[in-house]
């Protein structure tokens, strides 16, 4: 299964949801026991960079007046930090990471800024060259993600990959797996571009279930 960058960023967003201090404090994240453990292949990192020049979500301080800083949430494949504001840091006996986000109503809550998956290499052609039969996902539908268990199931559309080449279009299929397994078996190309608040290169997941008529 190969995810185009504009849908691969959703996988990075799911990591952010699972390491959010609110979910960790409530015990409602499948990663709650994974601090210091490898959750991505070695070489891949998830970075939040609020001081990125001209980043869409750049900011000098967070919603609670704390100076922001670059944060490696996942470093070289290993989960290295939760995303915390003052309240969730206090609940967990830790210090805030400067990630309070304030909306138009309600108190601040943890959130990311310029988030991205780093460490990919090689071209997309190299990423798919040895795939005998697979799927290039360009569109995803539905919200079948359970952050408590990591179960993942979404409608998808894209293109068939046959013998390392992209062939005909595919629509109305469902792809499913578990985020723990998906992330552990991820490979990333080197085509990262900063277009959105959350960004990722093209990524390849080795094993997923596909169903469709």
Protein backbone atom coordinates (compact mmCIF):
# COMPACT_ATOMS: atom_id res chain seq x y z
CA UNK A 1 0.00 0.00 0.00
CA UNK A 2 1.49 3.35 -1.07
CA UNK A 3 0.08 6.63 0.25
CA UNK A 4 0.39 9.79 -1.84
CA UNK A 5 1.76 12.75 0.20
CA UNK A 6 -1.59 14.52 0.44
CA UNK A 7 -3.11 11.52 2.23
CA UNK A 8 0.08 10.27 3.91
CA UNK A 9 -0.01 13.37 6.13
CA UNK A 10 -3.09 11.83 7.75
CA UNK A 11 -0.91 9.04 9.16
CA UNK A 12 1.32 11.68 10.79
CA UNK A 13 -1.78 13.38 12.20
CA UNK A 14 -2.89 10.06 13.73
CA UNK A 15 0.46 9.83 15.53
CA UNK A 16 -0.08 13.35 16.86
CA UNK A 17 -3.53 12.39 18.17
CA UNK A 18 -2.10 9.32 19.90
CA UNK A 19 0.66 11.29 21.69
CA UNK A 20 -1.61 14.20 22.66
CA UNK A 21 -1.32 14.82 26.40
CA UNK A 22 -5.09 14.75 26.86
CA UNK A 23 -5.33 11.22 25.44
CA UNK A 24 -2.32 10.05 27.46
CA UNK A 25 -3.68 11.52 30.71
CA UNK A 26 -7.05 9.81 30.13
CA UNK A 27 -5.39 6.54 29.09
CA UNK A 28 -7.25 6.57 25.76
CA UNK A 29 -4.30 6.15 23.39
CA UNK A 30 -2.88 2.95 21.91
CA UNK A 31 0.59 4.50 22.49
CA UNK A 32 0.11 5.20 26.21
CA UNK A 33 2.68 2.52 27.18
CA UNK A 34 5.07 3.17 24.28
CA UNK A 35 7.29 6.01 25.51
CA UNK A 36 10.90 5.12 24.69
CA UNK A 37 9.81 2.28 22.39
CA UNK A 38 10.29 2.04 18.64
CA UNK A 39 7.06 2.88 16.80
CA UNK A 40 8.54 3.73 13.37
CA UNK A 41 11.40 2.12 11.46
CA UNK A 42 14.86 3.38 12.35
CA UNK A 43 15.72 6.55 10.44
CA UNK A 44 12.23 8.05 10.46
CA UNK A 45 11.27 10.92 12.78
CA UNK A 46 8.18 13.00 13.45
CA UNK A 47 9.05 16.65 14.09
CA UNK A 48 6.96 19.59 15.22
CA UNK A 49 8.62 22.86 14.25
CA UNK A 50 6.71 25.96 15.45
CA UNK A 51 9.63 28.26 14.57
CA UNK A 52 9.75 27.23 10.88
CA UNK A 53 10.23 30.33 8.73
CA UNK A 54 6.99 31.02 6.82
CA UNK A 55 5.41 27.87 8.21
CA UNK A 56 1.62 27.90 8.02
CA UNK A 57 1.29 27.41 11.79
CA UNK A 58 4.47 29.07 13.04
CA UNK A 59 4.28 30.94 16.37
CA UNK A 60 6.80 32.34 18.90
CA UNK A 61 4.76 31.23 21.91
CA UNK A 62 1.84 28.91 22.60
CA UNK A 63 -1.69 29.59 23.86
CA UNK A 64 -0.44 29.83 27.44
CA UNK A 65 2.44 32.22 26.76
CA UNK A 66 5.15 29.52 26.82
CA UNK A 67 7.98 29.96 24.32
CA UNK A 68 7.72 27.39 21.56
CA UNK A 69 10.56 25.14 20.42
CA UNK A 70 11.29 22.41 17.93
CA UNK A 71 10.13 19.06 19.29
CA UNK A 72 11.11 15.59 18.10
CA UNK A 73 7.99 13.58 18.95
CA UNK A 74 9.48 10.48 17.34
CA UNK A 75 13.26 10.45 16.97
CA UNK A 76 15.01 7.90 14.77
CA UNK A 77 11.95 5.67 15.05
CA UNK A 78 11.62 5.90 18.86
CA UNK A 79 8.77 7.68 20.65
CA UNK A 80 10.52 10.52 22.49
CA UNK A 81 7.87 12.96 23.72
CA UNK A 82 4.20 13.57 24.38
CA UNK A 83 2.56 16.80 23.19
CA UNK A 84 1.69 18.73 26.36
CA UNK A 85 0.18 21.93 27.67
CA UNK A 86 0.38 23.05 31.31
CA UNK A 87 -2.69 21.11 32.46
CA UNK A 88 -1.80 17.76 30.89
CA UNK A 89 1.86 18.13 31.91
CA UNK A 90 0.74 18.62 35.52
CA UNK A 91 -1.51 15.54 35.32
CA UNK A 92 1.39 13.44 34.06
CA UNK A 93 4.00 14.90 36.42
CA UNK A 94 5.96 16.39 33.51
CA UNK A 95 6.78 19.83 32.09
CA UNK A 96 4.83 21.46 29.28
CA UNK A 97 6.32 21.14 25.80
CA UNK A 98 4.88 24.54 24.85
CA UNK A 99 2.08 23.09 22.76
CA UNK A 100 -1.07 24.71 24.18
CA UNK A 101 -3.51 25.71 21.46
CA UNK A 102 -6.31 28.12 22.22
CA UNK A 103 -9.54 28.23 20.22
CA UNK A 104 -12.41 30.72 20.25
CA UNK A 105 -14.09 29.04 23.21
CA UNK A 106 -13.02 26.75 26.01
CA UNK A 107 -9.66 26.33 27.74
CA UNK A 108 -6.37 25.63 25.93
CA UNK A 109 -5.56 22.06 24.92
CA UNK A 110 -2.45 20.36 23.46
CA UNK A 111 -1.89 20.59 19.72
CA UNK A 112 0.86 20.66 17.10
CA UNK A 113 2.01 23.39 14.70
CA UNK A 114 4.20 22.60 11.68
CA UNK A 115 4.28 18.80 11.93
CA UNK A 116 6.09 16.54 9.47
CA UNK A 117 7.58 13.11 8.86
CA UNK A 118 11.34 13.33 8.27
CA UNK A 119 13.99 10.83 7.19
CA UNK A 120 12.62 9.52 3.91
CA UNK A 121 14.98 8.86 1.00
CA UNK A 122 14.94 7.82 -2.62
CA UNK A 123 12.37 8.42 -5.33
CA UNK A 124 8.76 7.30 -5.55
CA UNK A 125 9.69 5.07 -8.49
CA UNK A 126 12.23 3.29 -6.30
CA UNK A 127 9.62 2.93 -3.55
CA UNK A 128 7.21 1.05 -5.81
CA UNK A 129 9.68 -0.72 -8.10
CA UNK A 130 9.49 -4.11 -6.35
CA UNK A 131 5.71 -4.11 -5.74
CA UNK A 132 4.19 -6.94 -7.77
CA UNK A 133 0.61 -5.93 -6.98
CA UNK A 134 -0.40 -3.05 -4.76
CA UNK A 135 -2.43 0.12 -4.45
CA UNK A 136 -1.43 3.78 -4.70
CA UNK A 137 -3.89 5.62 -2.46
CA UNK A 138 -4.68 9.18 -3.55
CA UNK A 139 -8.00 9.73 -1.74
CA UNK A 140 -9.38 8.59 1.61
CA UNK A 141 -12.96 8.72 2.88
CA UNK A 142 -14.56 8.22 6.27
CA UNK A 143 -13.18 8.42 9.79
CA UNK A 144 -12.65 4.79 10.82
CA UNK A 145 -9.71 5.37 13.17
CA UNK A 146 -9.83 4.19 16.78
CA UNK A 147 -7.04 5.93 18.72
CA UNK A 148 -7.72 3.74 21.76
CA UNK A 149 -6.93 0.48 19.93
CA UNK A 150 -5.11 1.74 16.84
CA UNK A 151 -7.60 0.05 14.50
CA UNK A 152 -7.73 1.72 11.08
CA UNK A 153 -10.37 1.30 8.37
CA UNK A 154 -11.18 3.83 5.63
CA UNK A 155 -12.64 4.02 2.18
CA UNK A 156 -10.01 4.64 -0.48
CA UNK A 157 -9.45 5.40 -4.15
CA UNK A 158 -6.32 5.58 -6.26
CA UNK A 159 -4.42 3.52 -8.79
CA UNK A 160 -3.40 -0.12 -9.09
CA UNK A 161 0.31 -0.91 -8.98
CA UNK A 162 1.34 -3.91 -11.07
CA UNK A 163 4.92 -5.14 -11.42
CA UNK A 164 6.34 -1.84 -10.18
CA UNK A 165 4.24 0.37 -12.45
CA UNK A 166 1.10 2.44 -11.90
CA UNK A 167 -1.77 1.15 -14.03
CA UNK A 168 -5.55 1.65 -13.98
CA UNK A 169 -7.69 3.61 -11.52
CA UNK A 170 -9.29 1.98 -8.46
CA UNK A 171 -12.27 3.26 -6.47
CA UNK A 172 -14.76 2.16 -3.82
CA UNK A 173 -12.39 -0.04 -1.84
CA UNK A 174 -11.79 -0.26 1.89
CA UNK A 175 -8.31 -0.48 3.38
CA UNK A 176 -7.79 -1.70 6.94
CA UNK A 177 -5.07 -2.49 9.45
CA UNK A 178 -3.78 -1.44 12.84
CA UNK A 179 -1.74 1.74 13.21
CA UNK A 180 0.91 0.04 15.35
CA UNK A 181 1.62 -2.51 12.62
CA UNK A 182 1.23 0.02 9.81
CA UNK A 183 3.71 2.48 11.30
CA UNK A 184 6.21 -0.22 12.21
CA UNK A 185 6.24 -1.39 8.57
CA UNK A 186 6.45 2.03 6.93
CA UNK A 187 8.96 3.20 4.34
CA UNK A 188 9.19 6.80 3.14
CA UNK A 189 10.39 8.39 -0.08
CA UNK A 190 12.44 11.58 -0.17
CA UNK A 191 9.77 13.80 -1.74
CA UNK A 192 8.71 15.74 1.39
CA UNK A 193 7.29 19.20 0.61
CA UNK A 194 5.91 21.73 3.08
CA UNK A 195 2.44 22.55 1.77
CA UNK A 196 0.16 22.12 4.77
CA UNK A 197 0.26 22.32 8.56
CA UNK A 198 1.00 18.58 8.64
CA UNK A 199 3.23 17.15 5.91
CA UNK A 200 4.62 13.79 4.83
CA UNK A 201 6.42 12.33 1.83
CA UNK A 202 5.06 9.39 -0.14
CA UNK A 203 4.98 6.41 2.23
CA UNK A 204 4.69 2.67 1.72
CA UNK A 205 3.00 0.28 4.14
CA UNK A 206 4.06 -3.32 3.65
CA UNK A 207 0.88 -5.12 4.70
CA UNK A 208 -2.77 -3.97 4.79
CA UNK A 209 -6.13 -5.53 4.08
CA UNK A 210 -8.03 -4.40 0.98
CA UNK A 211 -11.70 -5.14 0.28
CA UNK A 212 -14.01 -4.04 -2.52
CA UNK A 213 -16.57 -5.23 -5.03
